[in-house]
Amino acid sequence: MTPTIEREVKLRFDSPDQARAAIVAAGATPLRCRRLQEDALLDTEDESLRRRQCALRIRTESGKSLLTFKGPVHPGHMKTREEHETVVSDGAVLQHVFEELGLHVWFRYEKYREEYAAEDVTIGIDETPVGTYVEIEGGEEGILAMTRALGRTPADFILESYRGLFLSHREAYGLLGHDMVFREE
């Protein structure tokens, strides 16, 4: 099996509308409409995945689930890591199987995502409980070109995970809560 290498950066935007306007002006075309993604990160009691800087995630959206394993982040100006993904028919059953094997959900996060395509990159607008982020994923040159087209520079790159962004936001605003989820109305 040939490993897949994920390369991505995040950019902060003031609002989804601002991000959408910039992405469309940069020439990207719509790929997938806005939908809620619910993510659960799993680990062992001794945090063996986190200690290795790896992640195991079950993502559920629109009644479908995706299992993702992410290896450690390689040093660099972009977030680069090995990634393996597969579609699963029932994320809740898979989570139960993992729990029976000794893993547990240690962090949940939600976001509304819509996606666009341009050249060799996919651009996602992520509306999260801690702000709006544009995630650009693909080849290095494509990421740099899209960054410039959005009026940004590599100095604007955010390489932090959503968990890290959530912890920073929670600390800065004195908020409570263990997970990055939208409040129920």
C-alpha atoms as a PDB file:
ATOM      1  CA  MET A   1       0.000   0.000   0.000  1.00  0.00           C
ATOM      2  CA  THR A   2       1.402   3.348  -1.053  1.00  0.00           C
ATOM      3  CA  PRO A   3       1.004   5.952   1.690  1.00  0.00           C
ATOM      4  CA  THR A   4      -0.974   9.072   0.888  1.00  0.00           C
ATOM      5  CA  ILE A   5       0.702  12.311   1.925  1.00  0.00           C
ATOM      6  CA  GLU A   6      -1.621  15.075   3.066  1.00  0.00           C
ATOM      7  CA  ARG A   7      -0.350  18.650   2.680  1.00  0.00           C
ATOM      8  CA  GLU A   8      -2.478  21.506   3.990  1.00  0.00           C
ATOM      9  CA  VAL A   9      -2.619  24.922   5.592  1.00  0.00           C
ATOM     10  CA  LYS A  10      -5.361  26.927   7.262  1.00  0.00           C
ATOM     11  CA  LEU A  11      -6.045  30.635   6.874  1.00  0.00           C
ATOM     12  CA  ARG A  12      -8.272  32.617   9.225  1.00  0.00           C
ATOM     13  CA  PHE A  13     -11.137  34.684   7.775  1.00  0.00           C
ATOM     14  CA  ASP A  14     -13.584  37.014   9.503  1.00  0.00           C
ATOM     15  CA  SER A  15     -16.682  35.277   8.118  1.00  0.00           C
ATOM     16  CA  PRO A  16     -17.815  32.522   5.764  1.00  0.00           C
ATOM     17  CA  ASP A  17     -19.098  35.178   3.328  1.00  0.00           C
ATOM     18  CA  GLN A  18     -15.699  36.896   3.232  1.00  0.00           C
ATOM     19  CA  ALA A  19     -13.960  33.543   2.663  1.00  0.00           C
ATOM     20  CA  ARG A  20     -16.448  32.494  -0.049  1.00  0.00           C
ATOM     21  CA  ALA A  21     -16.072  35.794  -1.935  1.00  0.00           C
ATOM     22  CA  ALA A  22     -12.254  35.530  -1.873  1.00  0.00           C
ATOM     23  CA  ILE A  23     -12.290  31.907  -3.042  1.00  0.00           C
ATOM     24  CA  VAL A  24     -14.697  32.575  -5.915  1.00  0.00           C
ATOM     25  CA  ALA A  25     -12.703  35.683  -6.922  1.00  0.00           C
ATOM     26  CA  ALA A  26      -9.574  33.480  -6.980  1.00  0.00           C
ATOM     27  CA  GLY A  27     -11.242  31.359  -9.680  1.00  0.00           C
ATOM     28  CA  ALA A  28     -12.182  28.277  -7.658  1.00  0.00           C
ATOM     29  CA  THR A  29     -15.320  26.341  -8.549  1.00  0.00           C
ATOM     30  CA  PRO A  30     -17.827  24.770  -6.137  1.00  0.00           C
ATOM     31  CA  LEU A  31     -17.122  21.107  -5.363  1.00  0.00           C
ATOM     32  CA  ARG A  32     -19.322  20.122  -2.382  1.00  0.00           C
ATOM     33  CA  CYS A  33     -22.085  22.080  -0.671  1.00  0.00           C
ATOM     34  CA  ARG A  34     -22.165  23.184   2.964  1.00  0.00           C
ATOM     35  CA  ARG A  35     -22.784  20.337   5.423  1.00  0.00           C
ATOM     36  CA  LEU A  36     -22.170  19.521   9.069  1.00  0.00           C
ATOM     37  CA  GLN A  37     -19.147  17.333   9.831  1.00  0.00           C
ATOM     38  CA  GLU A  38     -19.025  15.630  13.218  1.00  0.00           C
ATOM     39  CA  ASP A  39     -15.569  14.331  14.125  1.00  0.00           C
ATOM     40  CA  ALA A  40     -14.508  12.056  16.969  1.00  0.00           C
ATOM     41  CA  LEU A  41     -10.832  11.477  17.824  1.00  0.00           C
ATOM     42  CA  LEU A  42      -9.985   8.161  19.461  1.00  0.00           C
ATOM     43  CA  ASP A  43      -7.025   7.002  21.527  1.00  0.00           C
ATOM     44  CA  THR A  44      -5.981   4.425  24.093  1.00  0.00           C
ATOM     45  CA  GLU A  45      -6.073   5.075  27.847  1.00  0.00           C
ATOM     46  CA  ASP A  46      -2.290   5.624  27.832  1.00  0.00           C
ATOM     47  CA  GLU A  47      -2.618   8.108  24.915  1.00  0.00           C
ATOM     48  CA  SER A  48      -0.327   6.085  22.670  1.00  0.00           C
ATOM     49  CA  LEU A  49      -1.575   7.785  19.497  1.00  0.00           C
ATOM     50  CA  ARG A  50      -1.192  11.316  20.869  1.00  0.00           C
ATOM     51  CA  ARG A  51       2.260  10.512  22.258  1.00  0.00           C
ATOM     52  CA  ARG A  52       3.258   9.430  18.737  1.00  0.00           C
ATOM     53  CA  GLN A  53       1.600  12.624  17.369  1.00  0.00           C
ATOM     54  CA  CYS A  54      -0.883  10.517  15.384  1.00  0.00           C
ATOM     55  CA  ALA A  55      -4.650  10.790  15.073  1.00  0.00           C
ATOM     56  CA  LEU A  56      -7.455   8.292  14.557  1.00  0.00           C
ATOM     57  CA  ARG A  57     -10.704   9.969  13.528  1.00  0.00           C
ATOM     58  CA  ILE A  58     -14.238   8.913  12.695  1.00  0.00           C
ATOM     59  CA  ARG A  59     -16.000  11.617  10.666  1.00  0.00           C
ATOM     60  CA  THR A  60     -19.746  11.522  10.107  1.00  0.00           C
ATOM     61  CA  GLU A  61     -21.508  13.746   7.591  1.00  0.00           C
ATOM     62  CA  SER A  62     -24.776  13.430   5.710  1.00  0.00           C
ATOM     63  CA  GLY A  63     -25.347   9.916   7.065  1.00  0.00           C
ATOM     64  CA  LYS A  64     -21.939   8.645   5.880  1.00  0.00           C
ATOM     65  CA  SER A  65     -18.781   7.903   7.859  1.00  0.00           C
ATOM     66  CA  LEU A  66     -15.078   8.081   7.089  1.00  0.00           C
ATOM     67  CA  LEU A  67     -12.262   6.526   9.113  1.00  0.00           C
ATOM     68  CA  THR A  68      -8.951   8.398   8.955  1.00  0.00           C
ATOM     69  CA  PHE A  69      -5.530   7.643  10.405  1.00  0.00           C
ATOM     70  CA  LYS A  70      -3.011  10.505  10.347  1.00  0.00           C
ATOM     71  CA  GLY A  71       0.671   9.998  11.070  1.00  0.00           C
ATOM     72  CA  PRO A  72       2.993  12.489  12.765  1.00  0.00           C
ATOM     73  CA  VAL A  73       3.359  15.946  11.195  1.00  0.00           C
ATOM     74  CA  HIS A  74       6.626  16.398   9.290  1.00  0.00           C
ATOM     75  CA  PRO A  75       8.523  19.622  10.071  1.00  0.00           C
ATOM     76  CA  GLY A  76       8.025  22.357   7.478  1.00  0.00           C
ATOM     77  CA  HIS A  77       6.157  25.537   6.559  1.00  0.00           C
ATOM     78  CA  MET A  78       3.080  23.490   5.591  1.00  0.00           C
ATOM     79  CA  LYS A  79       1.362  20.737   7.553  1.00  0.00           C
ATOM     80  CA  THR A  80       2.449  17.487   5.890  1.00  0.00           C
ATOM     81  CA  ARG A  81       1.716  13.988   7.155  1.00  0.00           C
ATOM     82  CA  GLU A  82       0.865  10.480   6.058  1.00  0.00           C
ATOM     83  CA  GLU A  83      -2.869   9.865   5.848  1.00  0.00           C
ATOM     84  CA  HIS A  84      -5.009   6.770   5.274  1.00  0.00           C
ATOM     85  CA  GLU A  85      -8.779   7.030   4.800  1.00  0.00           C
ATOM     86  CA  THR A  86     -11.607   4.641   4.093  1.00  0.00           C
ATOM     87  CA  VAL A  87     -15.374   4.924   3.940  1.00  0.00           C
ATOM     88  CA  VAL A  88     -17.228   2.898   6.566  1.00  0.00           C
ATOM     89  CA  SER A  89     -20.905   2.079   6.429  1.00  0.00           C
ATOM     90  CA  ASP A  90     -21.709   2.760  10.097  1.00  0.00           C
ATOM     91  CA  GLY A  91     -19.511   5.080  12.163  1.00  0.00           C
ATOM     92  CA  ALA A  92     -21.401   4.335  15.401  1.00  0.00           C
ATOM     93  CA  VAL A  93     -20.772   0.585  15.055  1.00  0.00           C
ATOM     94  CA  LEU A  94     -17.112   1.243  14.222  1.00  0.00           C
ATOM     95  CA  GLN A  95     -16.771   3.451  17.300  1.00  0.00           C
ATOM     96  CA  HIS A  96     -18.293   0.675  19.432  1.00  0.00           C
ATOM     97  CA  VAL A  97     -15.817  -1.849  17.990  1.00  0.00           C
ATOM     98  CA  PHE A  98     -12.918   0.487  18.788  1.00  0.00           C
ATOM     99  CA  GLU A  99     -14.231   0.968  22.333  1.00  0.00           C
ATOM    100  CA  GLU A 100     -14.359  -2.819  22.767  1.00  0.00           C
ATOM    101  CA  LEU A 101     -10.715  -2.884  21.633  1.00  0.00           C
ATOM    102  CA  GLY A 102      -9.723  -0.395  24.329  1.00  0.00           C
ATOM    103  CA  LEU A 103      -9.919   2.928  22.479  1.00  0.00           C
ATOM    104  CA  HIS A 104     -12.161   5.793  23.554  1.00  0.00           C
ATOM    105  CA  VAL A 105     -13.295   9.130  22.148  1.00  0.00           C
ATOM    106  CA  TRP A 106     -11.165  11.817  23.785  1.00  0.00           C
ATOM    107  CA  PHE A 107     -12.199  14.859  21.707  1.00  0.00           C
ATOM    108  CA  ARG A 108     -15.181  15.764  19.539  1.00  0.00           C
ATOM    109  CA  TYR A 109     -15.401  18.685  17.167  1.00  0.00           C
ATOM    110  CA  GLU A 110     -17.937  19.973  14.683  1.00  0.00           C
ATOM    111  CA  LYS A 111     -17.756  22.258  11.713  1.00  0.00           C
ATOM    112  CA  TYR A 112     -19.817  23.245   8.717  1.00  0.00           C
ATOM    113  CA  ARG A 113     -17.718  22.694   5.600  1.00  0.00           C
ATOM    114  CA  GLU A 114     -18.164  23.584   1.963  1.00  0.00           C
ATOM    115  CA  GLU A 115     -15.526  22.799  -0.647  1.00  0.00           C
ATOM    116  CA  TYR A 116     -14.148  24.317  -3.828  1.00  0.00           C
ATOM    117  CA  ALA A 117     -11.587  23.127  -6.376  1.00  0.00           C
ATOM    118  CA  ALA A 118      -8.842  24.970  -8.243  1.00  0.00           C
ATOM    119  CA  GLU A 119      -5.967  23.392 -10.175  1.00  0.00           C
ATOM    120  CA  ASP A 120      -4.421  20.792  -7.846  1.00  0.00           C
ATOM    121  CA  VAL A 121      -5.939  22.026  -4.584  1.00  0.00           C
ATOM    122  CA  THR A 122      -9.161  21.583  -2.671  1.00  0.00           C
ATOM    123  CA  ILE A 123     -10.284  24.580  -0.658  1.00  0.00           C
ATOM    124  CA  GLY A 124     -12.601  24.112   2.301  1.00  0.00           C
ATOM    125  CA  ILE A 125     -14.472  26.804   4.174  1.00  0.00           C
ATOM    126  CA  ASP A 126     -14.801  25.592   7.757  1.00  0.00           C
ATOM    127  CA  GLU A 127     -17.289  27.368  10.015  1.00  0.00           C
ATOM    128  CA  THR A 128     -16.338  26.262  13.524  1.00  0.00           C
ATOM    129  CA  PRO A 129     -17.437  27.272  17.022  1.00  0.00           C
ATOM    130  CA  VAL A 130     -14.097  29.160  17.276  1.00  0.00           C
ATOM    131  CA  GLY A 131     -14.141  30.988  13.953  1.00  0.00           C
ATOM    132  CA  THR A 132     -13.978  30.662  10.183  1.00  0.00           C
ATOM    133  CA  TYR A 133     -11.000  28.981   8.561  1.00  0.00           C
ATOM    134  CA  VAL A 134     -10.113  28.236   4.966  1.00  0.00           C
ATOM    135  CA  GLU A 135      -8.217  24.987   4.577  1.00  0.00           C
ATOM    136  CA  ILE A 136      -6.177  24.555   1.391  1.00  0.00           C
ATOM    137  CA  GLU A 137      -5.059  21.002   0.645  1.00  0.00           C
ATOM    138  CA  GLY A 138      -3.006  19.696  -2.275  1.00  0.00           C
ATOM    139  CA  GLY A 139       0.391  20.190  -3.866  1.00  0.00           C
ATOM    140  CA  GLU A 140       2.833  22.717  -2.460  1.00  0.00           C
ATOM    141  CA  GLU A 141       2.845  24.975  -5.540  1.00  0.00           C
ATOM    142  CA  GLY A 142      -0.955  24.897  -5.726  1.00  0.00           C
ATOM    143  CA  ILE A 143      -1.257  25.830  -2.062  1.00  0.00           C
ATOM    144  CA  LEU A 144       1.161  28.734  -2.522  1.00  0.00           C
ATOM    145  CA  ALA A 145      -0.643  29.926  -5.675  1.00  0.00           C
ATOM    146  CA  MET A 146      -4.060  29.796  -3.971  1.00  0.00           C
ATOM    147  CA  THR A 147      -2.664  31.559  -0.903  1.00  0.00           C
ATOM    148  CA  ARG A 148      -1.461  34.414  -3.136  1.00  0.00           C
ATOM    149  CA  ALA A 149      -4.787  34.467  -5.021  1.00  0.00           C
ATOM    150  CA  LEU A 150      -6.563  34.879  -1.677  1.00  0.00           C
ATOM    151  CA  GLY A 151      -4.361  37.894  -0.888  1.00  0.00           C
ATOM    152  CA  ARG A 152      -2.392  36.095   1.787  1.00  0.00           C
ATOM    153  CA  THR A 153       1.199  34.949   2.304  1.00  0.00           C
ATOM    154  CA  PRO A 154       2.869  31.949   3.980  1.00  0.00           C
ATOM    155  CA  ALA A 155       3.204  34.159   7.083  1.00  0.00           C
ATOM    156  CA  ASP A 156      -0.582  33.733   7.434  1.00  0.00           C
ATOM    157  CA  PHE A 157      -0.411  29.913   7.481  1.00  0.00           C
ATOM    158  CA  ILE A 158      -1.972  28.213  10.484  1.00  0.00           C
ATOM    159  CA  LEU A 159      -0.652  24.680  10.990  1.00  0.00           C
ATOM    160  CA  GLU A 160      -2.453  24.040  14.266  1.00  0.00           C
ATOM    161  CA  SER A 161      -5.125  21.338  14.521  1.00  0.00           C
ATOM    162  CA  TYR A 162      -8.715  22.245  15.349  1.00  0.00           C
ATOM    163  CA  ARG A 163      -8.087  20.806  18.810  1.00  0.00           C
ATOM    164  CA  GLY A 164      -5.173  23.232  19.293  1.00  0.00           C
ATOM    165  CA  LEU A 165      -7.206  26.171  17.982  1.00  0.00           C
ATOM    166  CA  PHE A 166     -10.044  25.220  20.326  1.00  0.00           C
ATOM    167  CA  LEU A 167      -7.720  25.057  23.356  1.00  0.00           C
ATOM    168  CA  SER A 168      -6.217  28.471  22.519  1.00  0.00           C
ATOM    169  CA  HIS A 169      -9.683  29.986  22.056  1.00  0.00           C
ATOM    170  CA  ARG A 170     -10.970  28.420  25.268  1.00  0.00           C
ATOM    171  CA  GLU A 171      -8.016  29.769  27.238  1.00  0.00           C
ATOM    172  CA  ALA A 172      -8.184  33.246  25.675  1.00  0.00           C
ATOM    173  CA  TYR A 173     -11.890  33.643  26.423  1.00  0.00           C
ATOM    174  CA  GLY A 174     -12.089  31.690  29.677  1.00  0.00           C
ATOM    175  CA  LEU A 175     -14.598  29.277  28.244  1.00  0.00           C
ATOM    176  CA  LEU A 176     -15.545  25.916  29.645  1.00  0.00           C
ATOM    177  CA  GLY A 177     -16.127  22.718  27.765  1.00  0.00           C
ATOM    178  CA  HIS A 178     -14.139  19.729  26.662  1.00  0.00           C
ATOM    179  CA  ASP A 179     -15.300  19.478  23.044  1.00  0.00           C
ATOM    180  CA  MET A 180     -15.520  21.967  20.147  1.00  0.00           C
ATOM    181  CA  VAL A 181     -19.196  21.601  19.310  1.00  0.00           C
ATOM    182  CA  PHE A 182     -21.967  23.992  18.463  1.00  0.00           C
ATOM    183  CA  ARG A 183     -24.330  24.751  21.318  1.00  0.00           C
ATOM    184  CA  GLU A 184     -27.775  23.325  20.909  1.00  0.00           C
ATOM    185  CA  GLU A 185     -30.394  26.008  20.438  1.00  0.00           C
END
